Amino acid sequence: MLLHYLNKLDNNPFNNHKKNFPILSQVSDDNRAFVMKQFNIEYVAAKRDDFELLYQACQRQNILRNLHDPASPVEVQVRSLTVQGKYEEAFQQLEGRLGAAENNLDLPQLRARYNAWLTAKNAGAADSRDLDLEINRIRYTLLTFANQIPQP
């Protein structure tokens, strides 16, 4: 009943034949107040100050997780090199900047896959569709590693 009422407020021309988008209706302040009073709807939210206090407490305890910066110079450079097809330079940028597991295990394995792809491409020993699929997988993994660079 509430959803039907919201869809009919203010003579809204929006056609919601599936009745699954009640929030898209534009509702005037008077109608909004009426609906909130009629159906005893109460908007409850924490104050911004509460979040600030929580953030400061977590920061004092050093339990905030590190967020990566998508605009960090290294990440942007790795993305740019990957898009340009300069994979060897992208590998060099990633070396030493990832976590221990990625540096010691994943990155060398990815580089070996790239070298195998490069050898197969230069030798003409593989189907071009298979080569395209493999380089796309390598490219995707490089971009994923770029997103995992920890921030200082």
N, C-alpha and C. Protein backbone atom coordinates (compact mmCIF):
# COMPACT_ATOMS: atom_id res chain seq x y z
N MET A 1 0.82 -1.18 0.00
CA MET A 1 0.00 0.00 0.00
C MET A 1 0.87 1.26 0.00
N LEU A 2 1.92 1.25 0.83
CA LEU A 2 2.81 2.40 0.89
C LEU A 2 3.52 2.60 -0.45
N LEU A 3 4.01 1.52 -1.05
CA LEU A 3 4.70 1.64 -2.34
C LEU A 3 3.75 2.16 -3.42
N HIS A 4 2.53 1.67 -3.43
CA HIS A 4 1.54 2.15 -4.40
C HIS A 4 1.27 3.64 -4.18
N TYR A 5 1.15 4.05 -2.93
CA TYR A 5 0.89 5.45 -2.62
C TYR A 5 2.06 6.33 -3.04
N LEU A 6 3.29 5.89 -2.79
CA LEU A 6 4.46 6.66 -3.18
C LEU A 6 4.55 6.83 -4.70
N ASN A 7 4.13 5.82 -5.42
CA ASN A 7 4.18 5.90 -6.88
C ASN A 7 3.13 6.85 -7.44
N LYS A 8 2.08 7.12 -6.71
CA LYS A 8 1.00 7.98 -7.20
C LYS A 8 1.07 9.41 -6.68
N LEU A 9 2.04 9.72 -5.83
CA LEU A 9 2.14 11.07 -5.26
C LEU A 9 2.47 12.10 -6.33
N ASP A 10 1.97 13.30 -6.15
CA ASP A 10 2.30 14.45 -7.00
C ASP A 10 2.01 14.21 -8.47
N ASN A 11 1.09 13.37 -8.81
CA ASN A 11 0.75 13.06 -10.20
C ASN A 11 2.02 12.74 -11.00
N ASN A 12 2.83 11.91 -10.46
CA ASN A 12 4.11 11.56 -11.06
C ASN A 12 3.89 10.81 -12.37
N PRO A 13 4.49 11.28 -13.48
CA PRO A 13 4.31 10.59 -14.76
C PRO A 13 5.16 9.32 -14.89
N PHE A 14 5.99 9.02 -13.89
CA PHE A 14 6.86 7.85 -13.95
C PHE A 14 6.01 6.59 -14.01
N ASN A 15 6.23 5.77 -15.04
CA ASN A 15 5.47 4.53 -15.19
C ASN A 15 6.27 3.40 -14.57
N ASN A 16 5.77 2.90 -13.48
CA ASN A 16 6.46 1.84 -12.76
C ASN A 16 5.61 0.58 -12.85
N HIS A 17 5.52 0.01 -14.05
CA HIS A 17 4.62 -1.12 -14.26
C HIS A 17 5.04 -2.36 -13.46
N LYS A 18 6.30 -2.47 -13.10
CA LYS A 18 6.72 -3.62 -12.29
C LYS A 18 6.57 -3.35 -10.79
N LYS A 19 6.33 -2.11 -10.43
CA LYS A 19 6.17 -1.69 -9.03
C LYS A 19 7.41 -2.01 -8.19
N ASN A 20 8.59 -1.79 -8.76
CA ASN A 20 9.80 -2.11 -8.01
C ASN A 20 10.74 -0.91 -7.84
N PHE A 21 10.28 0.30 -8.17
CA PHE A 21 11.11 1.47 -8.00
C PHE A 21 10.34 2.56 -7.27
N PRO A 22 9.96 2.37 -6.02
CA PRO A 22 9.19 3.39 -5.34
C PRO A 22 10.01 4.63 -5.01
N ILE A 23 11.31 4.49 -4.86
CA ILE A 23 12.13 5.62 -4.44
C ILE A 23 12.34 6.61 -5.59
N LEU A 24 12.15 6.19 -6.82
CA LEU A 24 12.37 7.10 -7.95
C LEU A 24 11.30 8.16 -8.08
N SER A 25 10.22 8.01 -7.37
CA SER A 25 9.15 9.00 -7.44
C SER A 25 9.58 10.28 -6.73
N GLN A 26 9.29 11.42 -7.36
CA GLN A 26 9.54 12.70 -6.73
C GLN A 26 8.39 13.00 -5.78
N VAL A 27 8.72 13.24 -4.53
CA VAL A 27 7.69 13.45 -3.51
C VAL A 27 7.88 14.83 -2.92
N SER A 28 6.79 15.59 -2.83
CA SER A 28 6.88 16.93 -2.24
C SER A 28 7.09 16.80 -0.73
N ASP A 29 7.54 17.88 -0.11
CA ASP A 29 7.80 17.86 1.32
C ASP A 29 6.52 17.62 2.11
N ASP A 30 5.42 18.21 1.66
CA ASP A 30 4.15 18.00 2.35
C ASP A 30 3.72 16.55 2.30
N ASN A 31 3.81 15.95 1.13
CA ASN A 31 3.42 14.54 1.00
C ASN A 31 4.37 13.63 1.77
N ARG A 32 5.64 13.97 1.77
CA ARG A 32 6.61 13.18 2.52
C ARG A 32 6.27 13.23 4.02
N ALA A 33 5.98 14.43 4.52
CA ALA A 33 5.63 14.57 5.94
C ALA A 33 4.35 13.79 6.25
N PHE A 34 3.38 13.85 5.33
CA PHE A 34 2.12 13.12 5.54
C PHE A 34 2.37 11.61 5.63
N VAL A 35 3.14 11.08 4.69
CA VAL A 35 3.40 9.65 4.67
C VAL A 35 4.17 9.23 5.92
N MET A 36 5.17 10.03 6.31
CA MET A 36 5.94 9.69 7.49
C MET A 36 5.09 9.71 8.75
N LYS A 37 4.16 10.65 8.82
CA LYS A 37 3.27 10.71 9.99
C LYS A 37 2.23 9.60 9.92
N GLN A 38 1.64 9.38 8.76
CA GLN A 38 0.57 8.39 8.59
C GLN A 38 1.06 6.97 8.90
N PHE A 39 2.28 6.65 8.47
CA PHE A 39 2.78 5.28 8.65
C PHE A 39 3.81 5.18 9.78
N ASN A 40 3.92 6.23 10.59
CA ASN A 40 4.84 6.25 11.73
C ASN A 40 6.27 5.89 11.32
N ILE A 41 6.73 6.51 10.25
CA ILE A 41 8.09 6.29 9.77
C ILE A 41 9.01 7.26 10.50
N GLU A 42 10.08 6.73 11.04
CA GLU A 42 11.03 7.57 11.76
C GLU A 42 12.40 7.39 11.14
N TYR A 43 13.05 8.47 10.82
CA TYR A 43 14.39 8.44 10.24
C TYR A 43 15.39 8.52 11.38
N VAL A 44 16.20 7.49 11.51
CA VAL A 44 17.17 7.43 12.59
C VAL A 44 18.56 7.29 11.97
N ALA A 45 19.46 8.16 12.32
CA ALA A 45 20.83 8.07 11.81
C ALA A 45 21.78 8.60 12.87
N ALA A 46 22.98 8.08 12.85
CA ALA A 46 24.01 8.55 13.77
C ALA A 46 24.50 9.92 13.32
N LYS A 47 24.95 10.69 14.25
CA LYS A 47 25.48 12.01 13.93
C LYS A 47 26.89 11.86 13.39
N ARG A 48 27.32 12.81 12.61
CA ARG A 48 28.66 12.80 12.03
C ARG A 48 29.72 12.77 13.12
N ASP A 49 29.47 13.46 14.23
CA ASP A 49 30.43 13.49 15.33
C ASP A 49 30.69 12.09 15.89
N ASP A 50 29.65 11.25 15.92
CA ASP A 50 29.82 9.88 16.42
C ASP A 50 30.81 9.12 15.55
N PHE A 51 30.72 9.29 14.24
CA PHE A 51 31.65 8.62 13.34
C PHE A 51 33.07 9.16 13.50
N GLU A 52 33.17 10.46 13.70
CA GLU A 52 34.49 11.06 13.90
C GLU A 52 35.15 10.52 15.17
N LEU A 53 34.37 10.40 16.26
CA LEU A 53 34.90 9.86 17.51
C LEU A 53 35.33 8.40 17.34
N LEU A 54 34.53 7.62 16.62
CA LEU A 54 34.86 6.23 16.36
C LEU A 54 36.14 6.13 15.53
N TYR A 55 36.27 6.96 14.51
CA TYR A 55 37.46 6.96 13.67
C TYR A 55 38.69 7.31 14.49
N GLN A 56 38.59 8.33 15.34
CA GLN A 56 39.74 8.73 16.16
C GLN A 56 40.13 7.63 17.14
N ALA A 57 39.14 6.95 17.72
CA ALA A 57 39.44 5.86 18.65
C ALA A 57 40.14 4.71 17.93
N CYS A 58 39.68 4.38 16.73
CA CYS A 58 40.32 3.31 15.94
C CYS A 58 41.72 3.73 15.52
N GLN A 59 41.89 4.99 15.20
CA GLN A 59 43.21 5.48 14.80
C GLN A 59 44.18 5.42 15.97
N ARG A 60 43.72 5.74 17.18
CA ARG A 60 44.59 5.66 18.36
C ARG A 60 45.00 4.21 18.63
N GLN A 61 44.10 3.27 18.37
CA GLN A 61 44.40 1.85 18.60
C GLN A 61 45.18 1.23 17.44
N ASN A 62 45.37 2.01 16.38
CA ASN A 62 46.08 1.55 15.18
C ASN A 62 45.42 0.31 14.56
N ILE A 63 44.09 0.35 14.45
CA ILE A 63 43.36 -0.79 13.88
C ILE A 63 42.68 -0.42 12.56
N LEU A 64 42.99 0.74 12.03
CA LEU A 64 42.43 1.12 10.73
C LEU A 64 43.19 0.36 9.64
N ARG A 65 42.47 -0.12 8.65
CA ARG A 65 43.14 -0.81 7.56
C ARG A 65 43.67 0.21 6.57
N ASN A 66 44.75 -0.14 5.92
CA ASN A 66 45.35 0.75 4.92
C ASN A 66 44.53 0.68 3.64
N LEU A 67 44.17 1.82 3.15
CA LEU A 67 43.44 1.90 1.89
C LEU A 67 44.42 2.28 0.79
N HIS A 68 44.25 1.66 -0.35
CA HIS A 68 45.16 2.00 -1.44
C HIS A 68 44.66 3.25 -2.14
N ASP A 69 45.59 4.00 -2.65
CA ASP A 69 45.28 5.23 -3.36
C ASP A 69 45.34 4.94 -4.86
N PRO A 70 44.17 4.95 -5.54
CA PRO A 70 44.20 4.63 -6.97
C PRO A 70 44.95 5.65 -7.80
N ALA A 71 45.26 6.78 -7.20
CA ALA A 71 46.00 7.81 -7.94
C ALA A 71 47.46 7.87 -7.53
N SER A 72 47.94 6.82 -6.84
CA SER A 72 49.35 6.82 -6.45
C SER A 72 50.20 6.75 -7.72
N PRO A 73 51.36 7.39 -7.71
CA PRO A 73 52.18 7.44 -8.93
C PRO A 73 52.56 6.06 -9.48
N VAL A 74 52.90 5.13 -8.59
CA VAL A 74 53.31 3.81 -9.06
C VAL A 74 52.13 3.08 -9.69
N GLU A 75 50.98 3.14 -9.03
CA GLU A 75 49.81 2.45 -9.56
C GLU A 75 49.39 3.02 -10.91
N VAL A 76 49.40 4.32 -11.03
CA VAL A 76 49.05 4.96 -12.31
C VAL A 76 50.06 4.57 -13.38
N GLN A 77 51.32 4.52 -13.02
CA GLN A 77 52.35 4.18 -13.99
C GLN A 77 52.21 2.72 -14.44
N VAL A 78 51.94 1.82 -13.49
CA VAL A 78 51.77 0.41 -13.86
C VAL A 78 50.56 0.25 -14.78
N ARG A 79 49.47 0.94 -14.45
CA ARG A 79 48.29 0.87 -15.32
C ARG A 79 48.60 1.41 -16.70
N SER A 80 49.30 2.53 -16.76
CA SER A 80 49.63 3.14 -18.04
C SER A 80 50.53 2.23 -18.87
N LEU A 81 51.53 1.66 -18.24
CA LEU A 81 52.44 0.76 -18.96
C LEU A 81 51.71 -0.49 -19.45
N THR A 82 50.81 -1.00 -18.63
CA THR A 82 50.05 -2.19 -19.02
C THR A 82 49.15 -1.89 -20.21
N VAL A 83 48.50 -0.76 -20.19
CA VAL A 83 47.62 -0.38 -21.30
C VAL A 83 48.43 -0.19 -22.58
N GLN A 84 49.64 0.34 -22.46
CA GLN A 84 50.49 0.57 -23.63
C GLN A 84 51.15 -0.71 -24.12
N GLY A 85 51.00 -1.81 -23.38
CA GLY A 85 51.61 -3.07 -23.79
C GLY A 85 53.07 -3.18 -23.38
N LYS A 86 53.53 -2.34 -22.49
CA LYS A 86 54.92 -2.37 -22.01
C LYS A 86 54.95 -3.20 -20.71
N TYR A 87 54.79 -4.49 -20.88
CA TYR A 87 54.63 -5.38 -19.73
C TYR A 87 55.92 -5.52 -18.93
N GLU A 88 57.05 -5.56 -19.60
CA GLU A 88 58.32 -5.72 -18.89
C GLU A 88 58.55 -4.54 -17.94
N GLU A 89 58.25 -3.33 -18.41
CA GLU A 89 58.40 -2.15 -17.55
C GLU A 89 57.40 -2.18 -16.40
N ALA A 90 56.21 -2.70 -16.65
CA ALA A 90 55.21 -2.82 -15.58
C ALA A 90 55.68 -3.80 -14.51
N PHE A 91 56.30 -4.91 -14.94
CA PHE A 91 56.86 -5.86 -13.97
C PHE A 91 57.93 -5.19 -13.12
N GLN A 92 58.80 -4.39 -13.76
CA GLN A 92 59.86 -3.72 -13.03
C GLN A 92 59.31 -2.74 -12.00
N GLN A 93 58.23 -2.05 -12.34
CA GLN A 93 57.62 -1.12 -11.40
C GLN A 93 57.02 -1.84 -10.19
N LEU A 94 56.48 -3.04 -10.43
CA LEU A 94 55.84 -3.79 -9.35
C LEU A 94 56.83 -4.47 -8.41
N GLU A 95 58.02 -4.79 -8.92
CA GLU A 95 59.00 -5.52 -8.10
C GLU A 95 59.34 -4.74 -6.84
N GLY A 96 59.27 -5.43 -5.71
CA GLY A 96 59.62 -4.82 -4.43
C GLY A 96 58.55 -3.96 -3.82
N ARG A 97 57.43 -3.76 -4.50
CA ARG A 97 56.38 -2.89 -3.97
C ARG A 97 55.17 -3.66 -3.47
N LEU A 98 55.14 -4.96 -3.68
CA LEU A 98 54.01 -5.77 -3.25
C LEU A 98 54.35 -6.46 -1.94
N GLY A 99 53.39 -7.20 -1.40
CA GLY A 99 53.63 -7.97 -0.19
C GLY A 99 54.62 -9.09 -0.45
N ALA A 100 55.02 -9.77 0.61
CA ALA A 100 56.05 -10.81 0.50
C ALA A 100 55.59 -11.95 -0.41
N ALA A 101 54.36 -12.41 -0.24
CA ALA A 101 53.88 -13.54 -1.04
C ALA A 101 53.83 -13.18 -2.52
N GLU A 102 53.36 -11.98 -2.81
CA GLU A 102 53.27 -11.56 -4.21
C GLU A 102 54.65 -11.38 -4.82
N ASN A 103 55.57 -10.77 -4.07
CA ASN A 103 56.93 -10.54 -4.59
C ASN A 103 57.69 -11.84 -4.80
N ASN A 104 57.56 -12.77 -3.86
CA ASN A 104 58.38 -13.98 -3.90
C ASN A 104 57.77 -15.11 -4.71
N LEU A 105 56.45 -15.09 -4.89
CA LEU A 105 55.82 -16.23 -5.54
C LEU A 105 54.98 -15.82 -6.76
N ASP A 106 54.03 -14.94 -6.55
CA ASP A 106 53.07 -14.63 -7.61
C ASP A 106 53.68 -13.85 -8.76
N LEU A 107 54.46 -12.82 -8.45
CA LEU A 107 55.04 -12.00 -9.51
C LEU A 107 56.03 -12.78 -10.38
N PRO A 108 56.93 -13.60 -9.80
CA PRO A 108 57.80 -14.42 -10.66
C PRO A 108 57.02 -15.41 -11.53
N GLN A 109 55.95 -15.99 -10.98
CA GLN A 109 55.14 -16.90 -11.78
C GLN A 109 54.46 -16.16 -12.93
N LEU A 110 53.98 -14.96 -12.65
CA LEU A 110 53.35 -14.17 -13.70
C LEU A 110 54.37 -13.78 -14.76
N ARG A 111 55.56 -13.42 -14.34
CA ARG A 111 56.61 -13.07 -15.30
C ARG A 111 56.96 -14.29 -16.17
N ALA A 112 56.99 -15.48 -15.57
CA ALA A 112 57.27 -16.70 -16.33
C ALA A 112 56.15 -16.96 -17.34
N ARG A 113 54.91 -16.72 -16.95
CA ARG A 113 53.79 -16.87 -17.90
C ARG A 113 53.94 -15.88 -19.05
N TYR A 114 54.35 -14.66 -18.72
CA TYR A 114 54.55 -13.64 -19.76
C TYR A 114 55.67 -14.06 -20.70
N ASN A 115 56.78 -14.56 -20.15
CA ASN A 115 57.89 -15.00 -21.00
C ASN A 115 57.48 -16.17 -21.88
N ALA A 116 56.68 -17.10 -21.35
CA ALA A 116 56.19 -18.22 -22.16
C ALA A 116 55.27 -17.70 -23.27
N TRP A 117 54.43 -16.72 -22.93
CA TRP A 117 53.54 -16.12 -23.93
C TRP A 117 54.36 -15.44 -25.02
N LEU A 118 55.39 -14.70 -24.62
CA LEU A 118 56.23 -13.99 -25.56
C LEU A 118 56.97 -14.96 -26.48
N THR A 119 57.47 -16.06 -25.93
CA THR A 119 58.16 -17.07 -26.72
C THR A 119 57.21 -17.71 -27.73
N ALA A 120 56.01 -18.06 -27.27
CA ALA A 120 55.03 -18.68 -28.17
C ALA A 120 54.60 -17.70 -29.25
N LYS A 121 54.46 -16.44 -28.91
CA LYS A 121 54.05 -15.43 -29.89
C LYS A 121 55.14 -15.24 -30.95
N ASN A 122 56.39 -15.13 -30.49
CA ASN A 122 57.49 -14.91 -31.43
C ASN A 122 57.75 -16.13 -32.31
N ALA A 123 57.50 -17.32 -31.76
CA ALA A 123 57.72 -18.54 -32.53
C ALA A 123 56.55 -18.86 -33.45
N GLY A 124 55.41 -18.23 -33.21
CA GLY A 124 54.22 -18.52 -34.00
C GLY A 124 53.71 -19.93 -33.77
N ALA A 125 53.96 -20.44 -32.57
CA ALA A 125 53.65 -21.83 -32.27
C ALA A 125 52.27 -22.03 -31.67
N ALA A 126 51.55 -20.96 -31.44
CA ALA A 126 50.24 -21.09 -30.79
C ALA A 126 49.19 -20.33 -31.59
N ASP A 127 47.96 -20.73 -31.39
CA ASP A 127 46.83 -20.06 -32.03
C ASP A 127 46.70 -18.64 -31.47
N SER A 128 46.41 -17.70 -32.32
CA SER A 128 46.32 -16.31 -31.89
C SER A 128 45.23 -16.10 -30.85
N ARG A 129 44.16 -16.90 -30.92
CA ARG A 129 43.09 -16.78 -29.92
C ARG A 129 43.59 -17.19 -28.54
N ASP A 130 44.40 -18.24 -28.50
CA ASP A 130 44.97 -18.67 -27.22
C ASP A 130 45.95 -17.63 -26.68
N LEU A 131 46.73 -17.05 -27.59
CA LEU A 131 47.68 -16.01 -27.17
C LEU A 131 46.94 -14.78 -26.64
N ASP A 132 45.88 -14.39 -27.33
CA ASP A 132 45.09 -13.23 -26.86
C ASP A 132 44.48 -13.49 -25.49
N LEU A 133 43.98 -14.68 -25.29
CA LEU A 133 43.39 -15.04 -23.99
C LEU A 133 44.43 -14.99 -22.88
N GLU A 134 45.60 -15.52 -23.14
CA GLU A 134 46.66 -15.54 -22.12
C GLU A 134 47.16 -14.14 -21.81
N ILE A 135 47.36 -13.29 -22.82
CA ILE A 135 47.85 -11.94 -22.53
C ILE A 135 46.79 -11.12 -21.80
N ASN A 136 45.52 -11.39 -22.07
CA ASN A 136 44.47 -10.71 -21.32
C ASN A 136 44.48 -11.13 -19.85
N ARG A 137 44.74 -12.40 -19.61
CA ARG A 137 44.85 -12.87 -18.22
C ARG A 137 46.05 -12.24 -17.53
N ILE A 138 47.16 -12.15 -18.23
CA ILE A 138 48.35 -11.53 -17.66
C ILE A 138 48.10 -10.05 -17.39
N ARG A 139 47.47 -9.38 -18.34
CA ARG A 139 47.15 -7.96 -18.17
C ARG A 139 46.24 -7.74 -16.96
N TYR A 140 45.22 -8.58 -16.83
CA TYR A 140 44.29 -8.47 -15.70
C TYR A 140 45.03 -8.67 -14.37
N THR A 141 45.93 -9.63 -14.32
CA THR A 141 46.67 -9.89 -13.09
C THR A 141 47.61 -8.74 -12.76
N LEU A 142 48.24 -8.16 -13.78
CA LEU A 142 49.08 -6.98 -13.54
C LEU A 142 48.27 -5.83 -12.95
N LEU A 143 47.10 -5.59 -13.50
CA LEU A 143 46.25 -4.52 -12.99
C LEU A 143 45.77 -4.83 -11.57
N THR A 144 45.51 -6.10 -11.29
CA THR A 144 45.12 -6.50 -9.93
C THR A 144 46.26 -6.25 -8.96
N PHE A 145 47.48 -6.61 -9.36
CA PHE A 145 48.64 -6.35 -8.51
C PHE A 145 48.83 -4.84 -8.29
N ALA A 146 48.57 -4.05 -9.30
CA ALA A 146 48.71 -2.60 -9.16
C ALA A 146 47.77 -2.07 -8.08
N ASN A 147 46.59 -2.68 -7.96
CA ASN A 147 45.63 -2.27 -6.93
C ASN A 147 46.04 -2.75 -5.55
N GLN A 148 46.98 -3.66 -5.45
CA GLN A 148 47.37 -4.22 -4.16
C GLN A 148 48.65 -3.59 -3.60
N ILE A 149 49.17 -2.57 -4.25
CA ILE A 149 50.38 -1.93 -3.76
C ILE A 149 50.05 -1.25 -2.44
N PRO A 150 50.72 -1.64 -1.34
CA PRO A 150 50.42 -1.01 -0.04
C PRO A 150 50.88 0.44 -0.03
N GLN A 151 50.17 1.23 0.72
CA GLN A 151 50.48 2.64 0.81
C GLN A 151 51.48 2.87 1.95
N PRO A 152 52.40 3.80 1.78
CA PRO A 152 53.39 4.08 2.84
C PRO A 152 52.75 4.70 4.05
